Amino acid sequence: MRLRLLLIALLFCGSMQAQRVAVKLSLEWRDRAKAWPDRGWWGNVPYCMISAMHTRFLFILLGMILSLSVQGFSQESPISMYLRVSWRAEANPLDTAKRPINVPYLHVVYRNDSNTDYYLVRRDRCRWIFPYIDFFEDLLQYPENYDYENHNEVRAMQFKVYPEQERVHKSHQVILGCSGWEIDQESSTSSHRSRSSDPQVDWSESVEYLQYILYCLRAPARRDPHALKVYSPQDNLHSVAKKPYKTDGILRLLEGCLAFLPARSEREYIYSLLAFRMMRGRFHFVIPNWVAKDTTIANEALGMEGDPNPLYNGESQLPLPKLYEGYQLYLARVKGCSLWIEM
C-alpha cells in the first residue's frame, strides 16, 4: 500500500513538472512566432496542440492509476488476523519448589475492517487453555493395558535431549495450518504424519504431550489417557475470549469454533504457552494468508442427548447458514501475520 502511494505521488509530481515544461516550451514557441512573422500565428499551433495533448494524456494516465489503486485498496482483505503476547508470573508446575516463572500468553486476534457483520470458522483451535498442536498418533496401536501415563511423560520430555543452554538458542517456526499449529514441519501443508525437520526431536509431538501433562497437573480430577485426543466441548471455554459471542440459535454448541465479528471490531482469543516456556528457545509464530471457505462445520458437538437441535440428522457436518442472526458467512481471503517470541 505504501508503495502504491509513493508511485502515485511520483507520477503526480512528474505530471506537474511535465505541465510546467509544456507551458514553458509553448511560450518559447510564441516568442519564436514573433521573431519569424513570416510563419504566421499558425506556426505555434501544432506544438501547443501537442503540449496540451501530452498534458491531458498524463492526467488521464494518472487518473487511471488512481482508480486502479482505489480498486486495489477496496480489494484488500476485510478480515485479518494478528498476534500479540502478554506475560504472567506463575508457579512452575514441573518444579517441586513451585518457583515462579514468566509465562507467555498468545493473543490471536480476528479483525473486521469492513462495515458488514461477518462470522467464520476459526482457524485457531484449543486444547483446554493451550493451543492445539497438530500431530498424528494412532492410539489403537497400543494394547488395552498399555501404560499411557508413562508413555505420555516419556514423549513429553523428549525436548530434554538438548540441554537447556542449547535450547534457549534454538529457533523454531510454529505455523498455523488448517488442522492446528505445526512446529518445525518441513511443509506447512504436509500431512499429519509429517515429521519434524529436527533429527532428534519431533517438537510438535513433544509440545502436545507436554501440554497434556501440564493439563493433568492443573486439573488432576479430569485425568484421562484419551484426553490427549478428545477434550470435551466445555474445555473450549478455557480458551479465554474477550467479549465472547453468545447465541441461543442452532449454532449455540459450536460458538467456540466460530468467530463472530461485528463491523469494525475485533475478537480476541488467548492461549497459555506454558509448554513452550518449558521447552525454551525462540519461536516464530506464523499465520499465513488463507481463504475462509468452510460452508459446513464438524457436527461433533451436536446430537447429544437432550439437544433439540432440528438440523442434527446424524451427519458428520452441519451446513452453516449464509446469514445467521445478522452475521453474514465470510467466504474470502483472510490476511495473516507473524510474531517472534523469545522464552
Protein backbone atom coordinates (compact mmCIF):
# COMPACT_ATOMS: atom_id res chain seq x y z
CA MET A 1 0.00 0.00 0.00
CA ARG A 2 2.84 2.40 0.83
CA LEU A 3 4.49 1.55 -2.48
CA ARG A 4 1.31 2.42 -4.34
CA LEU A 5 1.03 5.77 -2.56
CA LEU A 6 4.67 6.53 -3.35
CA LEU A 7 4.13 5.65 -7.01
CA ILE A 8 1.07 7.88 -7.21
CA ALA A 9 2.98 10.77 -5.60
CA LEU A 10 5.86 10.38 -8.05
CA LEU A 11 3.54 10.27 -11.04
CA PHE A 12 1.64 13.31 -9.81
CA CYS A 13 4.88 15.29 -9.34
CA GLY A 14 6.06 14.14 -12.76
CA SER A 15 2.85 15.22 -14.44
CA MET A 16 3.01 18.66 -12.79
CA GLN A 17 6.61 19.05 -13.92
CA ALA A 18 5.63 17.98 -17.44
CA GLN A 19 2.87 20.56 -17.45
CA ARG A 20 5.29 23.31 -16.41
CA VAL A 21 7.72 22.23 -19.15
CA ALA A 22 4.91 22.23 -21.71
CA VAL A 23 3.87 25.77 -20.72
CA LYS A 24 7.47 26.95 -20.87
CA LEU A 25 8.04 25.45 -24.31
CA SER A 26 4.76 26.86 -25.63
CA LEU A 27 5.88 30.34 -24.52
CA GLU A 28 9.18 29.78 -26.30
CA TRP A 29 7.30 28.86 -29.46
CA ARG A 30 5.19 32.00 -29.11
CA ASP A 31 8.34 34.11 -28.91
CA ARG A 32 9.67 32.32 -31.99
CA ALA A 33 6.46 33.14 -33.84
CA LYS A 34 7.04 36.81 -33.04
CA ALA A 35 10.64 36.55 -34.21
CA TRP A 36 9.60 34.91 -37.52
CA PRO A 37 6.40 36.69 -38.52
CA ASP A 38 6.58 35.17 -41.96
CA ARG A 39 5.43 31.85 -40.47
CA GLY A 40 2.31 33.46 -39.08
CA TRP A 41 0.45 32.72 -35.89
CA TRP A 42 -0.22 29.14 -37.05
CA GLY A 43 3.47 28.24 -36.61
CA ASN A 44 2.88 27.82 -32.92
CA VAL A 45 -0.36 25.85 -33.16
CA PRO A 46 1.00 22.31 -33.73
CA TYR A 47 3.26 22.36 -30.70
CA CYS A 48 0.60 23.89 -28.46
CA MET A 49 -1.78 21.14 -29.51
CA ILE A 50 0.88 18.52 -28.87
CA SER A 51 1.70 20.06 -25.48
CA ALA A 52 -1.96 20.14 -24.46
CA MET A 53 -2.48 16.55 -25.63
CA HIS A 54 0.63 15.46 -23.75
CA THR A 55 -0.57 17.09 -20.54
CA ARG A 56 -4.08 15.65 -20.88
CA PHE A 57 -2.64 12.21 -21.53
CA LEU A 58 -0.55 12.38 -18.36
CA PHE A 59 -3.57 13.40 -16.29
CA ILE A 60 -5.70 10.64 -17.84
CA LEU A 61 -2.96 8.13 -17.08
CA LEU A 62 -2.72 9.43 -13.53
CA GLY A 63 -6.50 9.13 -13.10
CA MET A 64 -6.43 5.53 -14.33
CA ILE A 65 -3.66 4.67 -11.89
CA LEU A 66 -5.58 6.33 -9.06
CA SER A 67 -8.73 4.41 -9.89
CA LEU A 68 -6.83 1.14 -10.07
CA SER A 69 -5.17 1.91 -6.75
CA VAL A 70 -8.51 2.68 -5.12
CA GLN A 71 -9.86 -0.56 -6.55
CA GLY A 72 -6.82 -2.37 -5.15
CA PHE A 73 -7.43 -0.83 -1.74
CA SER A 74 -11.05 -1.95 -1.82
CA GLN A 75 -9.94 -5.47 -2.66
CA GLU A 76 -7.74 -5.70 0.44
CA SER A 77 -8.97 -8.43 2.76
CA PRO A 78 -11.62 -7.03 5.13
CA ILE A 79 -10.83 -9.79 7.65
CA SER A 80 -7.33 -10.13 9.07
CA MET A 81 -5.59 -11.87 11.95
CA TYR A 82 -2.75 -10.60 14.07
CA LEU A 83 -0.81 -11.83 17.10
CA ARG A 84 0.47 -10.26 20.28
CA VAL A 85 1.89 -11.62 23.54
CA SER A 86 1.42 -10.87 27.24
CA TRP A 87 3.29 -12.28 30.22
CA ARG A 88 2.14 -13.53 33.64
CA ALA A 89 4.11 -14.71 36.66
CA GLU A 90 3.04 -18.26 37.57
CA ALA A 91 4.38 -21.13 39.63
CA ASN A 92 6.30 -23.69 37.61
CA PRO A 93 4.19 -26.89 37.80
CA LEU A 94 7.23 -29.05 36.95
CA ASP A 95 9.28 -27.56 39.77
CA THR A 96 8.85 -29.22 43.17
CA ALA A 97 9.68 -25.89 44.83
CA LYS A 98 6.97 -24.18 42.72
CA ARG A 99 9.23 -21.25 41.95
CA PRO A 100 7.57 -18.56 39.78
CA ILE A 101 8.37 -18.15 36.11
CA ASN A 102 7.16 -15.70 33.48
CA VAL A 103 4.66 -17.47 31.23
CA PRO A 104 3.77 -16.01 27.82
CA TYR A 105 0.16 -15.93 26.62
CA LEU A 106 -0.51 -15.79 22.90
CA HIS A 107 -3.32 -13.46 21.81
CA VAL A 108 -4.90 -14.48 18.49
CA VAL A 109 -6.99 -11.59 17.21
CA TYR A 110 -9.53 -11.58 14.36
CA ARG A 111 -10.22 -8.10 12.99
CA ASN A 112 -13.07 -6.96 10.77
CA ASP A 113 -12.27 -3.72 8.92
CA SER A 114 -15.47 -3.71 6.87
CA ASN A 115 -18.92 -2.28 7.51
CA THR A 116 -20.53 -5.75 7.39
CA ASP A 117 -21.08 -8.14 10.29
CA TYR A 118 -19.31 -11.43 9.46
CA TYR A 119 -18.83 -14.82 11.05
CA LEU A 120 -16.47 -17.63 10.01
CA VAL A 121 -14.97 -20.89 11.19
CA ARG A 122 -11.97 -20.14 13.36
CA ARG A 123 -8.55 -21.15 12.14
CA ASP A 124 -7.15 -21.50 15.65
CA ARG A 125 -8.21 -24.31 17.97
CA CYS A 126 -7.56 -25.02 21.63
CA ARG A 127 -6.59 -27.85 23.97
CA TRP A 128 -8.12 -26.60 27.19
CA ILE A 129 -6.13 -23.38 27.81
CA PHE A 130 -3.37 -24.38 25.37
CA PRO A 131 -3.11 -24.01 21.58
CA TYR A 132 -3.95 -27.08 19.51
CA ILE A 133 -0.78 -28.70 18.20
CA ASP A 134 -1.19 -30.74 15.03
CA PHE A 135 0.46 -34.15 15.09
CA PHE A 136 -0.68 -37.71 14.43
CA GLU A 137 -0.63 -40.74 16.67
CA ASP A 138 -2.67 -43.90 16.29
CA LEU A 139 -3.76 -44.76 19.84
CA LEU A 140 -5.26 -48.01 18.60
CA GLN A 141 -1.79 -49.45 18.08
CA TYR A 142 -1.32 -49.89 21.82
CA PRO A 143 -2.78 -52.77 23.90
CA GLU A 144 -5.56 -52.15 26.40
CA ASN A 145 -3.27 -52.43 29.43
CA TYR A 146 -0.68 -50.06 27.97
CA ASP A 147 0.84 -47.59 30.45
CA TYR A 148 -0.38 -44.37 28.82
CA GLU A 149 0.78 -42.25 31.75
CA ASN A 150 4.40 -43.30 31.46
CA HIS A 151 4.18 -43.22 27.65
CA ASN A 152 2.96 -39.61 27.66
CA GLU A 153 5.55 -38.46 30.19
CA VAL A 154 8.39 -40.01 28.19
CA ARG A 155 7.16 -38.38 24.97
CA ALA A 156 6.64 -35.05 26.73
CA MET A 157 10.21 -34.91 27.99
CA GLN A 158 11.81 -35.62 24.62
CA PHE A 159 12.85 -32.00 24.35
CA LYS A 160 15.32 -32.56 27.21
CA VAL A 161 17.50 -34.43 24.74
CA TYR A 162 19.03 -30.98 24.28
CA PRO A 163 20.43 -29.23 27.38
CA GLU A 164 18.72 -26.01 28.36
CA GLN A 165 21.80 -23.93 27.45
CA GLU A 166 21.38 -25.16 23.87
CA ARG A 167 17.59 -24.96 23.75
CA VAL A 168 17.48 -21.26 24.69
CA HIS A 169 19.37 -20.52 21.46
CA LYS A 170 17.27 -22.78 19.23
CA SER A 171 14.79 -21.20 16.82
CA HIS A 172 11.52 -22.85 15.89
CA GLN A 173 8.87 -21.99 13.33
CA VAL A 174 5.30 -22.50 14.52
CA ILE A 175 2.84 -22.30 11.62
CA LEU A 176 -0.94 -22.25 11.96
CA GLY A 177 -2.29 -24.72 9.40
CA CYS A 178 -5.78 -25.93 8.68
CA SER A 179 -5.53 -28.58 11.44
CA GLY A 180 -3.67 -26.66 14.13
CA TRP A 181 -0.21 -25.34 14.91
CA GLU A 182 2.76 -27.21 13.40
CA ILE A 183 6.25 -26.86 14.87
CA ASP A 184 9.28 -27.14 12.58
CA GLN A 185 7.41 -29.13 9.97
CA GLU A 186 9.14 -29.46 6.62
CA SER A 187 5.99 -28.25 4.87
CA SER A 188 3.07 -26.32 6.33
CA THR A 189 0.73 -28.24 4.04
CA SER A 190 2.18 -31.63 4.93
CA SER A 191 0.04 -34.46 6.23
CA HIS A 192 -0.49 -35.29 9.90
CA ARG A 193 2.28 -37.86 9.65
CA SER A 194 4.94 -35.38 8.62
CA ARG A 195 7.93 -35.42 10.92
CA SER A 196 9.95 -32.60 12.39
CA SER A 197 13.00 -31.45 10.48
CA ASP A 198 14.97 -31.90 13.72
CA PRO A 199 16.77 -35.27 13.63
CA GLN A 200 16.39 -35.96 17.37
CA VAL A 201 13.08 -34.47 18.50
CA ASP A 202 9.63 -34.12 16.98
CA TRP A 203 8.82 -30.79 18.57
CA SER A 204 5.12 -30.88 17.67
CA GLU A 205 4.74 -34.21 19.40
CA SER A 206 6.77 -33.15 22.44
CA VAL A 207 4.81 -29.93 22.96
CA GLU A 208 1.45 -31.65 22.60
CA TYR A 209 2.36 -34.38 25.12
CA LEU A 210 3.84 -31.79 27.45
CA GLN A 211 0.61 -29.79 27.27
CA TYR A 212 -1.25 -32.95 28.22
CA ILE A 213 0.99 -33.48 31.27
CA LEU A 214 0.51 -29.85 32.29
CA TYR A 215 -3.23 -30.23 31.79
CA CYS A 216 -3.26 -33.24 34.12
CA LEU A 217 -1.21 -31.39 36.74
CA ARG A 218 -3.56 -28.42 36.66
CA ALA A 219 -6.78 -30.49 36.53
CA PRO A 220 -5.99 -33.85 38.20
CA ALA A 221 -9.66 -34.75 38.63
CA ARG A 222 -10.07 -34.90 34.84
CA ARG A 223 -7.01 -37.09 34.18
CA ASP A 224 -7.77 -39.38 31.28
CA PRO A 225 -5.28 -41.13 28.96
CA HIS A 226 -7.53 -40.45 25.97
CA ALA A 227 -8.00 -36.78 26.84
CA LEU A 228 -4.94 -36.03 24.74
CA LYS A 229 -7.03 -36.59 21.62
CA VAL A 230 -10.53 -35.64 22.81
CA TYR A 231 -11.39 -32.84 25.21
CA SER A 232 -14.99 -32.04 25.99
CA PRO A 233 -16.68 -29.03 24.36
CA GLN A 234 -16.65 -27.30 27.76
CA ASP A 235 -12.86 -27.11 27.54
CA ASN A 236 -13.25 -24.55 24.76
CA LEU A 237 -14.46 -22.13 27.41
CA HIS A 238 -10.99 -22.09 28.95
CA SER A 239 -9.58 -20.52 25.81
CA VAL A 240 -10.29 -17.03 27.03
CA ALA A 241 -12.25 -14.95 24.55
CA LYS A 242 -12.68 -11.27 25.24
CA LYS A 243 -16.32 -10.30 24.80
CA PRO A 244 -17.43 -13.80 23.66
CA TYR A 245 -20.46 -14.03 21.41
CA LYS A 246 -23.41 -15.85 22.90
CA THR A 247 -26.20 -17.34 20.82
CA ASP A 248 -29.30 -19.38 21.50
CA GLY A 249 -29.69 -20.43 17.87
CA ILE A 250 -28.74 -23.61 16.05
CA LEU A 251 -25.01 -22.87 16.41
CA ARG A 252 -25.11 -22.46 20.19
CA LEU A 253 -23.00 -25.59 20.84
CA LEU A 254 -20.42 -24.57 18.24
CA GLU A 255 -19.90 -20.92 19.10
CA GLY A 256 -16.45 -21.80 20.46
CA CYS A 257 -15.43 -22.91 16.95
CA LEU A 258 -16.73 -19.76 15.25
CA ALA A 259 -15.57 -16.15 15.27
CA PHE A 260 -18.42 -13.62 15.20
CA LEU A 261 -17.08 -10.25 14.07
CA PRO A 262 -19.32 -7.18 14.11
CA ALA A 263 -18.42 -4.41 11.69
CA ARG A 264 -15.25 -2.52 12.61
CA SER A 265 -14.48 -4.76 15.58
CA GLU A 266 -12.06 -7.40 16.89
CA ARG A 267 -12.42 -10.78 18.58
CA GLU A 268 -9.53 -11.99 20.71
CA TYR A 269 -8.62 -15.50 21.93
CA ILE A 270 -5.85 -16.14 24.45
CA TYR A 271 -3.72 -19.26 24.89
CA SER A 272 -1.18 -20.27 27.51
CA LEU A 273 2.27 -21.01 26.06
CA LEU A 274 3.44 -22.73 29.26
CA ALA A 275 4.66 -25.82 27.37
CA PHE A 276 6.70 -23.64 25.01
CA ARG A 277 8.16 -21.85 28.03
CA MET A 278 9.23 -25.22 29.44
CA MET A 279 10.97 -26.05 26.16
CA ARG A 280 12.74 -22.69 25.91
CA GLY A 281 14.01 -21.11 22.71
CA ARG A 282 12.94 -18.57 20.09
CA PHE A 283 9.58 -19.24 18.44
CA HIS A 284 8.34 -17.66 15.23
CA PHE A 285 4.54 -17.92 15.26
CA VAL A 286 3.22 -17.56 11.71
CA ILE A 287 -0.33 -17.27 10.41
CA PRO A 288 -0.10 -17.47 6.59
CA ASN A 289 -2.67 -15.76 4.41
CA TRP A 290 -5.56 -18.17 3.99
CA VAL A 291 -9.01 -18.42 2.44
CA ALA A 292 -12.10 -18.97 4.57
CA LYS A 293 -14.12 -21.45 2.53
CA ASP A 294 -15.87 -23.60 5.14
CA THR A 295 -19.59 -23.81 4.41
CA THR A 296 -20.03 -26.67 6.89
CA ILE A 297 -18.68 -27.42 10.34
CA ALA A 298 -17.99 -30.67 12.20
CA ASN A 299 -21.16 -31.81 13.93
CA GLU A 300 -19.28 -33.45 16.80
CA ALA A 301 -20.85 -31.25 19.48
CA LEU A 302 -24.40 -31.72 18.23
CA GLY A 303 -26.90 -34.50 18.62
CA MET A 304 -26.14 -35.06 22.29
CA GLU A 305 -28.88 -36.42 24.50
CA GLY A 306 -31.40 -33.74 25.29
CA ASP A 307 -30.29 -31.46 22.46
CA PRO A 308 -33.36 -30.39 20.42
CA ASN A 309 -31.31 -29.06 17.51
CA PRO A 310 -33.58 -29.50 14.46
CA LEU A 311 -30.70 -29.61 11.98
CA TYR A 312 -29.00 -32.58 13.57
CA ASN A 313 -29.68 -35.65 11.44
CA GLY A 314 -26.73 -37.87 12.27
CA GLU A 315 -24.50 -36.32 9.60
CA SER A 316 -20.91 -35.51 10.43
CA GLN A 317 -21.12 -31.98 9.01
CA LEU A 318 -23.57 -29.21 9.77
CA PRO A 319 -24.26 -26.67 6.98
CA LEU A 320 -23.55 -23.11 8.04
CA PRO A 321 -26.29 -20.56 7.29
CA LYS A 322 -25.32 -17.81 4.86
CA LEU A 323 -26.96 -15.36 7.25
CA TYR A 324 -27.09 -16.10 10.98
CA GLU A 325 -28.52 -13.64 13.48
CA GLY A 326 -27.48 -10.73 11.28
CA TYR A 327 -23.98 -12.09 10.59
CA GLN A 328 -23.00 -12.97 7.03
CA LEU A 329 -20.92 -16.10 6.47
CA TYR A 330 -17.47 -14.92 5.37
CA LEU A 331 -16.00 -16.84 2.42
CA ALA A 332 -12.94 -14.94 1.21
CA ARG A 333 -9.29 -14.20 1.89
CA VAL A 334 -8.01 -13.67 5.43
CA LYS A 335 -4.75 -11.78 5.90
CA GLY A 336 -2.21 -13.41 8.23
CA CYS A 337 0.77 -12.18 10.25
CA SER A 338 3.74 -13.40 12.30
CA LEU A 339 5.35 -12.79 15.68
CA TRP A 340 8.67 -13.74 17.30
CA ILE A 341 8.63 -14.72 20.99
CA GLU A 342 11.79 -15.50 22.94
CA MET A 343 11.30 -17.67 26.02
